[in-house]
C-alpha atoms as a PDB file:
ATOM      1  CA  UNK A   1      17.700  84.848 118.177  1.00  0.00           C
ATOM      2  CA  UNK A   2      19.274  81.516 118.052  1.00  0.00           C
ATOM      3  CA  UNK A   3      23.215  81.260 117.887  1.00  0.00           C
ATOM      4  CA  UNK A   4      25.033  80.211 114.879  1.00  0.00           C
ATOM      5  CA  UNK A   5      26.593  76.691 115.050  1.00  0.00           C
ATOM      6  CA  UNK A   6      30.748  76.951 115.032  1.00  0.00           C
ATOM      7  CA  UNK A   7      31.834  75.355 111.699  1.00  0.00           C
ATOM      8  CA  UNK A   8      33.613  72.016 112.698  1.00  0.00           C
ATOM      9  CA  UNK A   9      36.343  70.002 110.786  1.00  0.00           C
ATOM     10  CA  UNK A  10      33.569  67.759 109.505  1.00  0.00           C
ATOM     11  CA  UNK A  11      31.629  70.632 107.979  1.00  0.00           C
ATOM     12  CA  UNK A  12      35.082  71.550 106.097  1.00  0.00           C
ATOM     13  CA  UNK A  13      35.106  67.836 105.004  1.00  0.00           C
ATOM     14  CA  UNK A  14      31.784  67.803 103.520  1.00  0.00           C
ATOM     15  CA  UNK A  15      32.677  71.140 101.603  1.00  0.00           C
ATOM     16  CA  UNK A  16      35.898  69.599 100.280  1.00  0.00           C
ATOM     17  CA  UNK A  17      34.962  66.097  99.972  1.00  0.00           C
ATOM     18  CA  UNK A  18      37.753  64.927 101.843  1.00  0.00           C
ATOM     19  CA  UNK A  19      37.750  62.845 104.743  1.00  0.00           C
ATOM     20  CA  UNK A  20      37.826  64.743 108.665  1.00  0.00           C
ATOM     21  CA  UNK A  21      41.083  63.236 108.978  1.00  0.00           C
ATOM     22  CA  UNK A  22      42.534  64.654 106.000  1.00  0.00           C
ATOM     23  CA  UNK A  23      41.022  68.029 106.729  1.00  0.00           C
ATOM     24  CA  UNK A  24      43.030  68.066 109.930  1.00  0.00           C
ATOM     25  CA  UNK A  25      46.349  67.107 108.605  1.00  0.00           C
ATOM     26  CA  UNK A  26      45.989  69.999 105.909  1.00  0.00           C
ATOM     27  CA  UNK A  27      45.204  72.491 108.311  1.00  0.00           C
ATOM     28  CA  UNK A  28      48.248  71.764 110.458  1.00  0.00           C
ATOM     29  CA  UNK A  29      50.278  71.798 107.012  1.00  0.00           C
ATOM     30  CA  UNK A  30      51.239  67.964 107.505  1.00  0.00           C
ATOM     31  CA  UNK A  31      50.884  64.504 105.036  1.00  0.00           C
ATOM     32  CA  UNK A  32      48.888  66.318 102.403  1.00  0.00           C
ATOM     33  CA  UNK A  33      49.993  67.834  99.056  1.00  0.00           C
ATOM     34  CA  UNK A  34      50.104  71.731  99.278  1.00  0.00           C
ATOM     35  CA  UNK A  35      47.389  72.114  96.368  1.00  0.00           C
ATOM     36  CA  UNK A  36      45.214  70.352  99.149  1.00  0.00           C
ATOM     37  CA  UNK A  37      46.182  72.633 102.139  1.00  0.00           C
ATOM     38  CA  UNK A  38      45.216  75.431 100.101  1.00  0.00           C
ATOM     39  CA  UNK A  39      41.950  74.203  99.142  1.00  0.00           C
ATOM     40  CA  UNK A  40      41.056  73.092 102.722  1.00  0.00           C
ATOM     41  CA  UNK A  41      42.392  76.611 103.937  1.00  0.00           C
ATOM     42  CA  UNK A  42      39.905  78.461 101.397  1.00  0.00           C
ATOM     43  CA  UNK A  43      36.936  76.299 102.367  1.00  0.00           C
ATOM     44  CA  UNK A  44      37.725  77.150 106.164  1.00  0.00           C
ATOM     45  CA  UNK A  45      38.000  80.789 105.439  1.00  0.00           C
ATOM     46  CA  UNK A  46      34.404  80.510 103.409  1.00  0.00           C
ATOM     47  CA  UNK A  47      32.897  78.705 106.277  1.00  0.00           C
ATOM     48  CA  UNK A  48      34.380  80.905 108.972  1.00  0.00           C
ATOM     49  CA  UNK A  49      36.247  77.932 110.534  1.00  0.00           C
ATOM     50  CA  UNK A  50      38.512  78.589 113.648  1.00  0.00           C
ATOM     51  CA  UNK A  51      40.663  76.202 115.320  1.00  0.00           C
ATOM     52  CA  UNK A  52      39.992  75.179 118.723  1.00  0.00           C
ATOM     53  CA  UNK A  53      43.238  75.593 120.534  1.00  0.00           C
ATOM     54  CA  UNK A  54      42.047  73.612 123.574  1.00  0.00           C
ATOM     55  CA  UNK A  55      40.754  70.809 121.256  1.00  0.00           C
ATOM     56  CA  UNK A  56      43.696  70.581 119.188  1.00  0.00           C
ATOM     57  CA  UNK A  57      45.729  70.541 122.444  1.00  0.00           C
ATOM     58  CA  UNK A  58      43.883  67.673 123.547  1.00  0.00           C
ATOM     59  CA  UNK A  59      44.121  65.624 120.270  1.00  0.00           C
ATOM     60  CA  UNK A  60      47.764  66.137 119.654  1.00  0.00           C
ATOM     61  CA  UNK A  61      49.031  66.673 122.791  1.00  0.00           C
ATOM     62  CA  UNK A  62      50.619  69.781 121.836  1.00  0.00           C
ATOM     63  CA  UNK A  63      49.561  73.162 123.239  1.00  0.00           C
ATOM     64  CA  UNK A  64      51.671  75.250 120.429  1.00  0.00           C
ATOM     65  CA  UNK A  65      53.413  77.041 123.258  1.00  0.00           C
ATOM     66  CA  UNK A  66      57.098  77.137 123.462  1.00  0.00           C
ATOM     67  CA  UNK A  67      58.630  78.464 126.887  1.00  0.00           C
ATOM     68  CA  UNK A  68      61.378  80.461 126.721  1.00  0.00           C
ATOM     69  CA  UNK A  69      63.546  81.223 130.122  1.00  0.00           C
ATOM     70  CA  UNK A  70      65.923  84.257 129.642  1.00  0.00           C
ATOM     71  CA  UNK A  71      68.523  84.605 132.442  1.00  0.00           C
ATOM     72  CA  UNK A  72      67.968  88.231 132.733  1.00  0.00           C
ATOM     73  CA  UNK A  73      65.609  90.373 130.776  1.00  0.00           C
ATOM     74  CA  UNK A  74      67.654  93.631 132.016  1.00  0.00           C
ATOM     75  CA  UNK A  75      70.362  92.586 129.375  1.00  0.00           C
ATOM     76  CA  UNK A  76      69.738  94.553 126.258  1.00  0.00           C
ATOM     77  CA  UNK A  77      71.040  91.824 124.164  1.00  0.00           C
ATOM     78  CA  UNK A  78      68.735  89.458 125.773  1.00  0.00           C
ATOM     79  CA  UNK A  79      65.560  91.913 125.075  1.00  0.00           C
ATOM     80  CA  UNK A  80      66.279  92.188 121.418  1.00  0.00           C
ATOM     81  CA  UNK A  81      66.888  88.290 121.532  1.00  0.00           C
ATOM     82  CA  UNK A  82      63.672  87.888 122.856  1.00  0.00           C
ATOM     83  CA  UNK A  83      61.805  90.238 120.710  1.00  0.00           C
ATOM     84  CA  UNK A  84      63.267  88.602 117.296  1.00  0.00           C
ATOM     85  CA  UNK A  85      62.441  85.103 118.550  1.00  0.00           C
ATOM     86  CA  UNK A  86      59.026  85.566 119.792  1.00  0.00           C
ATOM     87  CA  UNK A  87      58.272  86.964 116.183  1.00  0.00           C
ATOM     88  CA  UNK A  88      59.965  84.271 114.517  1.00  0.00           C
ATOM     89  CA  UNK A  89      57.930  81.589 116.331  1.00  0.00           C
ATOM     90  CA  UNK A  90      54.753  83.342 115.848  1.00  0.00           C
ATOM     91  CA  UNK A  91      55.720  83.643 111.882  1.00  0.00           C
ATOM     92  CA  UNK A  92      55.915  79.463 112.656  1.00  0.00           C
ATOM     93  CA  UNK A  93      52.730  79.250 113.993  1.00  0.00           C
ATOM     94  CA  UNK A  94      53.901  79.001 117.838  1.00  0.00           C
ATOM     95  CA  UNK A  95      53.293  81.172 120.546  1.00  0.00           C
ATOM     96  CA  UNK A  96      56.167  82.043 122.899  1.00  0.00           C
ATOM     97  CA  UNK A  97      55.625  82.375 126.778  1.00  0.00           C
ATOM     98  CA  UNK A  98      58.766  84.356 128.132  1.00  0.00           C
ATOM     99  CA  UNK A  99      59.648  84.177 131.583  1.00  0.00           C
ATOM    100  CA  UNK A 100      62.843  86.250 133.516  1.00  0.00           C
ATOM    101  CA  UNK A 101      65.285  84.080 135.917  1.00  0.00           C
ATOM    102  CA  UNK A 102      66.505  87.950 136.855  1.00  0.00           C
ATOM    103  CA  UNK A 103      69.984  85.969 137.030  1.00  0.00           C
ATOM    104  CA  UNK A 104      68.641  84.095 140.330  1.00  0.00           C
ATOM    105  CA  UNK A 105      69.247  80.332 140.250  1.00  0.00           C
ATOM    106  CA  UNK A 106      66.460  79.452 142.513  1.00  0.00           C
ATOM    107  CA  UNK A 107      64.137  82.025 140.586  1.00  0.00           C
ATOM    108  CA  UNK A 108      65.514  79.826 137.349  1.00  0.00           C
ATOM    109  CA  UNK A 109      64.425  76.406 139.185  1.00  0.00           C
ATOM    110  CA  UNK A 110      60.770  77.576 139.781  1.00  0.00           C
ATOM    111  CA  UNK A 111      60.220  79.246 136.712  1.00  0.00           C
ATOM    112  CA  UNK A 112      61.007  76.149 134.670  1.00  0.00           C
ATOM    113  CA  UNK A 113      58.747  74.245 136.780  1.00  0.00           C
ATOM    114  CA  UNK A 114      56.002  76.786 136.209  1.00  0.00           C
ATOM    115  CA  UNK A 115      56.526  76.740 132.544  1.00  0.00           C
ATOM    116  CA  UNK A 116      56.441  72.883 132.423  1.00  0.00           C
ATOM    117  CA  UNK A 117      53.073  73.065 134.198  1.00  0.00           C
ATOM    118  CA  UNK A 118      51.819  75.211 131.624  1.00  0.00           C
ATOM    119  CA  UNK A 119      52.564  71.846 129.179  1.00  0.00           C
ATOM    120  CA  UNK A 120      54.844  73.776 126.531  1.00  0.00           C
ATOM    121  CA  UNK A 121      55.790  71.842 123.586  1.00  0.00           C
ATOM    122  CA  UNK A 122      59.498  72.949 124.238  1.00  0.00           C
ATOM    123  CA  UNK A 123      61.565  74.789 126.620  1.00  0.00           C
ATOM    124  CA  UNK A 124      64.510  77.287 125.640  1.00  0.00           C
ATOM    125  CA  UNK A 125      66.578  78.630 128.146  1.00  0.00           C
ATOM    126  CA  UNK A 126      69.522  80.848 128.408  1.00  0.00           C
ATOM    127  CA  UNK A 127      70.784  79.601 132.001  1.00  0.00           C
ATOM    128  CA  UNK A 128      71.842  81.091 134.864  1.00  0.00           C
ATOM    129  CA  UNK A 129      73.227  77.865 135.969  1.00  0.00           C
ATOM    130  CA  UNK A 130      73.939  75.370 133.503  1.00  0.00           C
ATOM    131  CA  UNK A 131      74.971  72.435 136.175  1.00  0.00           C
ATOM    132  CA  UNK A 132      72.091  72.526 138.156  1.00  0.00           C
ATOM    133  CA  UNK A 133      70.149  69.221 138.522  1.00  0.00           C
ATOM    134  CA  UNK A 134      66.760  70.621 137.653  1.00  0.00           C
ATOM    135  CA  UNK A 135      67.563  70.347 133.819  1.00  0.00           C
ATOM    136  CA  UNK A 136      67.662  66.585 133.373  1.00  0.00           C
ATOM    137  CA  UNK A 137      64.504  66.777 135.121  1.00  0.00           C
ATOM    138  CA  UNK A 138      63.081  69.055 132.970  1.00  0.00           C
ATOM    139  CA  UNK A 139      64.083  66.547 129.959  1.00  0.00           C
ATOM    140  CA  UNK A 140      61.739  64.328 131.217  1.00  0.00           C
ATOM    141  CA  UNK A 141      58.592  66.608 130.502  1.00  0.00           C
ATOM    142  CA  UNK A 142      59.333  68.328 127.349  1.00  0.00           C
ATOM    143  CA  UNK A 143      62.176  69.248 124.646  1.00  0.00           C
ATOM    144  CA  UNK A 144      65.025  71.427 126.150  1.00  0.00           C
ATOM    145  CA  UNK A 145      66.824  73.644 123.795  1.00  0.00           C
ATOM    146  CA  UNK A 146      69.866  75.540 125.827  1.00  0.00           C
ATOM    147  CA  UNK A 147      71.259  78.717 124.552  1.00  0.00           C
ATOM    148  CA  UNK A 148      74.405  80.207 125.321  1.00  0.00           C
ATOM    149  CA  UNK A 149      76.176  77.487 127.789  1.00  0.00           C
ATOM    150  CA  UNK A 150      75.574  73.963 126.976  1.00  0.00           C
ATOM    151  CA  UNK A 151      73.882  71.726 129.904  1.00  0.00           C
ATOM    152  CA  UNK A 152      76.270  68.953 130.598  1.00  0.00           C
ATOM    153  CA  UNK A 153      73.887  66.914 132.946  1.00  0.00           C
ATOM    154  CA  UNK A 154      70.921  66.865 131.028  1.00  0.00           C
ATOM    155  CA  UNK A 155      69.995  65.328 127.526  1.00  0.00           C
ATOM    156  CA  UNK A 156      68.939  68.353 125.566  1.00  0.00           C
ATOM    157  CA  UNK A 157      66.741  68.322 122.071  1.00  0.00           C
ATOM    158  CA  UNK A 158      69.682  70.680 120.812  1.00  0.00           C
ATOM    159  CA  UNK A 159      72.305  73.401 122.292  1.00  0.00           C
ATOM    160  CA  UNK A 160      73.290  76.658 120.374  1.00  0.00           C
ATOM    161  CA  UNK A 161      76.567  77.648 122.173  1.00  0.00           C
ATOM    162  CA  UNK A 162      78.445  80.592 121.914  1.00  0.00           C
ATOM    163  CA  UNK A 163      82.250  80.276 121.454  1.00  0.00           C
ATOM    164  CA  UNK A 164      83.430  81.777 124.607  1.00  0.00           C
ATOM    165  CA  UNK A 165      87.001  80.160 124.462  1.00  0.00           C
ATOM    166  CA  UNK A 166      87.185  82.002 121.052  1.00  0.00           C
ATOM    167  CA  UNK A 167      85.675  85.442 122.713  1.00  0.00           C
ATOM    168  CA  UNK A 168      87.152  85.467 125.807  1.00  0.00           C
ATOM    169  CA  UNK A 169      90.404  84.723 124.597  1.00  0.00           C
ATOM    170  CA  UNK A 170      90.492  87.185 121.752  1.00  0.00           C
ATOM    171  CA  UNK A 171      89.168  89.959 124.337  1.00  0.00           C
ATOM    172  CA  UNK A 172      91.954  89.383 126.843  1.00  0.00           C
ATOM    173  CA  UNK A 173      94.759  89.073 124.415  1.00  0.00           C
ATOM    174  CA  UNK A 174      93.537  92.463 123.112  1.00  0.00           C
ATOM    175  CA  UNK A 175      93.580  93.956 126.432  1.00  0.00           C
ATOM    176  CA  UNK A 176      97.305  92.239 127.117  1.00  0.00           C
ATOM    177  CA  UNK A 177      98.758  93.370 123.893  1.00  0.00           C
ATOM    178  CA  UNK A 178      97.751  96.944 124.774  1.00  0.00           C
ATOM    179  CA  UNK A 179      99.712  96.447 127.923  1.00  0.00           C
ATOM    180  CA  UNK A 180      96.817  95.908 130.508  1.00  0.00           C
ATOM    181  CA  UNK A 181      97.699  93.532 133.380  1.00  0.00           C
ATOM    182  CA  UNK A 182      95.279  94.859 136.239  1.00  0.00           C
ATOM    183  CA  UNK A 183      91.922  93.937 134.704  1.00  0.00           C
ATOM    184  CA  UNK A 184      88.202  93.788 136.063  1.00  0.00           C
ATOM    185  CA  UNK A 185      86.013  91.293 134.764  1.00  0.00           C
ATOM    186  CA  UNK A 186      82.437  92.050 135.172  1.00  0.00           C
ATOM    187  CA  UNK A 187      80.007  88.889 134.840  1.00  0.00           C
ATOM    188  CA  UNK A 188      76.276  88.469 135.166  1.00  0.00           C
ATOM    189  CA  UNK A 189      74.285  88.052 138.252  1.00  0.00           C
ATOM    190  CA  UNK A 190      73.479  89.677 141.738  1.00  0.00           C
ATOM    191  CA  UNK A 191      76.116  87.168 143.092  1.00  0.00           C
ATOM    192  CA  UNK A 192      78.498  84.322 142.099  1.00  0.00           C
ATOM    193  CA  UNK A 193      77.245  81.014 143.326  1.00  0.00           C
ATOM    194  CA  UNK A 194      79.718  78.700 141.384  1.00  0.00           C
ATOM    195  CA  UNK A 195      81.895  79.463 138.232  1.00  0.00           C
ATOM    196  CA  UNK A 196      80.103  79.340 134.951  1.00  0.00           C
ATOM    197  CA  UNK A 197      81.949  78.308 131.685  1.00  0.00           C
ATOM    198  CA  UNK A 198      82.851  82.169 130.778  1.00  0.00           C
ATOM    199  CA  UNK A 199      84.229  82.649 133.766  1.00  0.00           C
ATOM    200  CA  UNK A 200      86.349  79.575 134.016  1.00  0.00           C
ATOM    201  CA  UNK A 201      87.822  80.294 130.544  1.00  0.00           C
ATOM    202  CA  UNK A 202      88.327  83.947 131.819  1.00  0.00           C
ATOM    203  CA  UNK A 203      90.708  82.664 134.560  1.00  0.00           C
ATOM    204  CA  UNK A 204      92.475  80.318 132.442  1.00  0.00           C
ATOM    205  CA  UNK A 205      93.309  82.565 129.726  1.00  0.00           C
ATOM    206  CA  UNK A 206      94.248  85.485 132.346  1.00  0.00           C
ATOM    207  CA  UNK A 207      96.568  83.011 134.352  1.00  0.00           C
ATOM    208  CA  UNK A 208      98.488  82.295 131.051  1.00  0.00           C
ATOM    209  CA  UNK A 209      98.620  86.039 129.930  1.00  0.00           C
ATOM    210  CA  UNK A 210     100.025  86.671 133.636  1.00  0.00           C
ATOM    211  CA  UNK A 211      97.056  88.806 134.848  1.00  0.00           C
ATOM    212  CA  UNK A 212      96.061  90.200 137.809  1.00  0.00           C
ATOM    213  CA  UNK A 213      92.171  89.621 137.554  1.00  0.00           C
ATOM    214  CA  UNK A 214      89.056  90.246 139.751  1.00  0.00           C
ATOM    215  CA  UNK A 215      85.943  88.972 138.572  1.00  0.00           C
ATOM    216  CA  UNK A 216      82.869  90.868 140.265  1.00  0.00           C
ATOM    217  CA  UNK A 217      79.339  89.953 139.892  1.00  0.00           C
ATOM    218  CA  UNK A 218      77.136  92.530 138.294  1.00  0.00           C
ATOM    219  CA  UNK A 219      73.391  93.166 137.409  1.00  0.00           C
ATOM    220  CA  UNK A 220      72.578  94.375 133.998  1.00  0.00           C
ATOM    221  CA  UNK A 221      70.400  97.057 134.910  1.00  0.00           C
ATOM    222  CA  UNK A 222      72.212 100.251 134.501  1.00  0.00           C
ATOM    223  CA  UNK A 223      71.977 102.072 137.917  1.00  0.00           C
ATOM    224  CA  UNK A 224      73.099  98.714 139.744  1.00  0.00           C
ATOM    225  CA  UNK A 225      75.676  98.141 137.405  1.00  0.00           C
ATOM    226  CA  UNK A 226      77.064 101.895 137.568  1.00  0.00           C
ATOM    227  CA  UNK A 227      77.110 101.258 141.401  1.00  0.00           C
ATOM    228  CA  UNK A 228      78.748  98.282 141.182  1.00  0.00           C
ATOM    229  CA  UNK A 229      81.676  99.540 138.860  1.00  0.00           C
ATOM    230  CA  UNK A 230      82.004 102.458 141.025  1.00  0.00           C
ATOM    231  CA  UNK A 231      82.813 100.406 144.096  1.00  0.00           C
ATOM    232  CA  UNK A 232      84.834  97.838 142.459  1.00  0.00           C
ATOM    233  CA  UNK A 233      86.969 100.819 140.476  1.00  0.00           C
ATOM    234  CA  UNK A 234      87.382 102.411 143.921  1.00  0.00           C
ATOM    235  CA  UNK A 235      89.369  99.675 145.600  1.00  0.00           C
ATOM    236  CA  UNK A 236      92.930  99.659 145.235  1.00  0.00           C
ATOM    237  CA  UNK A 237      95.064  98.978 143.045  1.00  0.00           C
ATOM    238  CA  UNK A 238      92.487 100.300 140.270  1.00  0.00           C
ATOM    239  CA  UNK A 239      92.396  98.262 137.185  1.00  0.00           C
ATOM    240  CA  UNK A 240      93.522  99.670 134.048  1.00  0.00           C
ATOM    241  CA  UNK A 241      90.884  97.882 131.879  1.00  0.00           C
ATOM    242  CA  UNK A 242      87.197  96.603 132.572  1.00  0.00           C
ATOM    243  CA  UNK A 243      85.933  93.835 130.671  1.00  0.00           C
ATOM    244  CA  UNK A 244      82.229  93.215 130.804  1.00  0.00           C
ATOM    245  CA  UNK A 245      80.608  90.024 129.942  1.00  0.00           C
ATOM    246  CA  UNK A 246      77.544  92.107 128.381  1.00  0.00           C
ATOM    247  CA  UNK A 247      77.690  95.411 126.854  1.00  0.00           C
ATOM    248  CA  UNK A 248      74.689  96.623 129.454  1.00  0.00           C
ATOM    249  CA  UNK A 249      77.205  96.201 132.417  1.00  0.00           C
ATOM    250  CA  UNK A 250      79.704  98.086 130.043  1.00  0.00           C
ATOM    251  CA  UNK A 251      77.322 101.185 130.277  1.00  0.00           C
ATOM    252  CA  UNK A 252      77.128 100.792 133.864  1.00  0.00           C
ATOM    253  CA  UNK A 253      81.410 101.340 133.592  1.00  0.00           C
ATOM    254  CA  UNK A 254      81.175 104.552 131.582  1.00  0.00           C
ATOM    255  CA  UNK A 255      78.547 106.186 134.068  1.00  0.00           C
ATOM    256  CA  UNK A 256      80.878 105.197 137.090  1.00  0.00           C
ATOM    257  CA  UNK A 257      84.166 106.320 135.258  1.00  0.00           C
ATOM    258  CA  UNK A 258      82.387 109.611 134.809  1.00  0.00           C
ATOM    259  CA  UNK A 259      81.552 110.070 138.352  1.00  0.00           C
ATOM    260  CA  UNK A 260      84.850 109.148 139.333  1.00  0.00           C
ATOM    261  CA  UNK A 261      86.495 111.834 137.016  1.00  0.00           C
ATOM    262  CA  UNK A 262      88.311 108.871 134.711  1.00  0.00           C
ATOM    263  CA  UNK A 263      88.723 109.193 130.942  1.00  0.00           C
ATOM    264  CA  UNK A 264      87.868 106.271 128.629  1.00  0.00           C
ATOM    265  CA  UNK A 265      90.230 105.132 127.216  1.00  0.00           C
ATOM    266  CA  UNK A 266      92.981 107.344 128.665  1.00  0.00           C
ATOM    267  CA  UNK A 267      92.514 106.214 132.372  1.00  0.00           C
ATOM    268  CA  UNK A 268      90.613 103.267 131.775  1.00  0.00           C
ATOM    269  CA  UNK A 269      89.922 100.851 128.780  1.00  0.00           C
ATOM    270  CA  UNK A 270      86.522  99.166 128.736  1.00  0.00           C
ATOM    271  CA  UNK A 271      85.499  96.284 126.479  1.00  0.00           C
ATOM    272  CA  UNK A 272      82.191  94.854 125.930  1.00  0.00           C
ATOM    273  CA  UNK A 273      80.594  91.746 124.884  1.00  0.00           C
ATOM    274  CA  UNK A 274      77.375  92.022 122.783  1.00  0.00           C
ATOM    275  CA  UNK A 275      77.849  94.735 120.228  1.00  0.00           C
ATOM    276  CA  UNK A 276      74.077  96.192 120.944  1.00  0.00           C
ATOM    277  CA  UNK A 277      73.429  98.941 118.956  1.00  0.00           C
ATOM    278  CA  UNK A 278      73.849 101.680 121.964  1.00  0.00           C
ATOM    279  CA  UNK A 279      77.283 100.515 121.923  1.00  0.00           C
ATOM    280  CA  UNK A 280      77.869 102.853 118.587  1.00  0.00           C
ATOM    281  CA  UNK A 281      76.295 105.699 120.382  1.00  0.00           C
ATOM    282  CA  UNK A 282      78.676 106.205 123.265  1.00  0.00           C
ATOM    283  CA  UNK A 283      81.710 108.531 123.529  1.00  0.00           C
ATOM    284  CA  UNK A 284      84.041 106.925 122.761  1.00  0.00           C
ATOM    285  CA  UNK A 285      82.080 104.118 120.792  1.00  0.00           C
ATOM    286  CA  UNK A 286      82.566 100.673 122.966  1.00  0.00           C
ATOM    287  CA  UNK A 287      84.872  97.986 121.505  1.00  0.00           C
ATOM    288  CA  UNK A 288      83.027  94.664 121.813  1.00  0.00           C
ATOM    289  CA  UNK A 289      82.035  91.457 119.974  1.00  0.00           C
ATOM    290  CA  UNK A 290      78.900  90.832 118.107  1.00  0.00           C
ATOM    291  CA  UNK A 291      76.862  87.714 118.595  1.00  0.00           C
ATOM    292  CA  UNK A 292      74.410  87.693 115.645  1.00  0.00           C
ATOM    293  CA  UNK A 293      70.834  87.761 117.131  1.00  0.00           C
ATOM    294  CA  UNK A 294      69.383  86.682 114.057  1.00  0.00           C
ATOM    295  CA  UNK A 295      71.531  83.622 113.452  1.00  0.00           C
ATOM    296  CA  UNK A 296      70.850  82.561 117.100  1.00  0.00           C
ATOM    297  CA  UNK A 297      67.233  82.816 116.581  1.00  0.00           C
ATOM    298  CA  UNK A 298      66.983  80.805 113.286  1.00  0.00           C
ATOM    299  CA  UNK A 299      69.039  78.098 114.999  1.00  0.00           C
ATOM    300  CA  UNK A 300      66.923  77.738 117.918  1.00  0.00           C
ATOM    301  CA  UNK A 301      63.551  78.245 115.852  1.00  0.00           C
ATOM    302  CA  UNK A 302      64.720  75.500 113.362  1.00  0.00           C
ATOM    303  CA  UNK A 303      66.143  73.027 115.991  1.00  0.00           C
ATOM    304  CA  UNK A 304      62.801  73.445 118.227  1.00  0.00           C
ATOM    305  CA  UNK A 305      60.500  72.730 115.204  1.00  0.00           C
ATOM    306  CA  UNK A 306      62.633  69.602 114.649  1.00  0.00           C
ATOM    307  CA  UNK A 307      62.143  68.553 117.968  1.00  0.00           C
ATOM    308  CA  UNK A 308      58.432  69.513 118.146  1.00  0.00           C
ATOM    309  CA  UNK A 309      57.323  68.027 115.009  1.00  0.00           C
ATOM    310  CA  UNK A 310      59.802  65.409 114.157  1.00  0.00           C
ATOM    311  CA  UNK A 311      60.919  64.454 117.693  1.00  0.00           C
ATOM    312  CA  UNK A 312      64.304  64.507 116.575  1.00  0.00           C
ATOM    313  CA  UNK A 313      67.403  65.953 118.071  1.00  0.00           C
ATOM    314  CA  UNK A 314      69.959  68.075 116.747  1.00  0.00           C
ATOM    315  CA  UNK A 315      73.834  68.348 116.715  1.00  0.00           C
ATOM    316  CA  UNK A 316      75.342  71.464 118.823  1.00  0.00           C
ATOM    317  CA  UNK A 317      75.523  74.576 116.776  1.00  0.00           C
ATOM    318  CA  UNK A 318      78.521  76.941 117.632  1.00  0.00           C
ATOM    319  CA  UNK A 319      78.025  80.734 117.219  1.00  0.00           C
ATOM    320  CA  UNK A 320      81.585  82.296 116.996  1.00  0.00           C
ATOM    321  CA  UNK A 321      81.725  86.442 117.955  1.00  0.00           C
ATOM    322  CA  UNK A 322      82.700  89.104 115.515  1.00  0.00           C
ATOM    323  CA  UNK A 323      85.194  91.687 116.989  1.00  0.00           C
ATOM    324  CA  UNK A 324      83.965  95.170 116.762  1.00  0.00           C
ATOM    325  CA  UNK A 325      87.244  97.151 117.467  1.00  0.00           C
ATOM    326  CA  UNK A 326      86.240 100.920 118.331  1.00  0.00           C
ATOM    327  CA  UNK A 327      87.440 103.780 120.527  1.00  0.00           C
ATOM    328  CA  UNK A 328      87.494 102.534 124.050  1.00  0.00           C
ATOM    329  CA  UNK A 329      90.447 100.642 124.465  1.00  0.00           C
ATOM    330  CA  UNK A 330      94.058 102.082 124.661  1.00  0.00           C
ATOM    331  CA  UNK A 331      97.246 101.344 126.414  1.00  0.00           C
ATOM    332  CA  UNK A 332      97.323 102.230 130.286  1.00  0.00           C
ATOM    333  CA  UNK A 333      98.715 105.540 131.282  1.00  0.00           C
ATOM    334  CA  UNK A 334     100.952 103.681 133.886  1.00  0.00           C
ATOM    335  CA  UNK A 335     103.617 101.703 132.942  1.00  0.00           C
ATOM    336  CA  UNK A 336     102.409  97.733 133.447  1.00  0.00           C
ATOM    337  CA  UNK A 337     103.965  95.810 135.754  1.00  0.00           C
ATOM    338  CA  UNK A 338     106.774  92.870 134.304  1.00  0.00           C
ATOM    339  CA  UNK A 339     104.960  89.400 133.947  1.00  0.00           C
END
């Protein structure tokens, strides 16, 4: 039985009386009126036309793929972000290719190269190491959009930056106002290679407040976060409060406090930084800061499409946190030292 010939753009052109170029534009939603686009799509459906992604990529120089490099998908906030972003890109007729740096700067460099080898139209990243020189190299091959922290050494197409100065300052002042001076800060990563922007802000604000601060790198995985927290809390002098730069790490602190017989917040105050839905279910509910996932996703998708479709750069978008005051912060049992 002879194989049925696959319909082509020329067949749609013959069906509609348009030129092949006009049909091509209409199928991509470009340069032709909406009614013409609708007429072309209806003809394509009647003929059983399916776009050939390889041919389209060769013709347009685009793959329709957006690379997304997350710093750690063990972080529950990033999981929610990735899910929402993937759906939003799909609604915009783009496919997202996700990779996980696992909080490892060397892995981040390798996966960036892998995504560039896939010829992604744009690379969206939550960077592990914002100061790495490989970001400048990436911009020579694709549009780069940074989330969370800016990339000072790279000419990015756009940056959707978290206002860590506002969030960290509010968080440490909240603990200071409650009477805490010995504070443990858990920051993402299996190890600290260099100071990231949020960590520098933490140390600067703590110095101004007269706090004794200890910064410890901590995984987002619950078991490993609990193990890290247990070790840090066992070292004298025990802190009276823990500020976690992700809620995922705060869950590990809750487990560690239980294992050590510490009551939250009577013996240990805990403050998070994501407002993941699970945080409301803890006992006591976790005080934290909400970073609006949908607002971040909308800003990213808008800027990626502008960069890819119009070759235009966007101004930096600053996302502010919303404090969520719950029951995990109280005054310390012992009297704080004087400044």
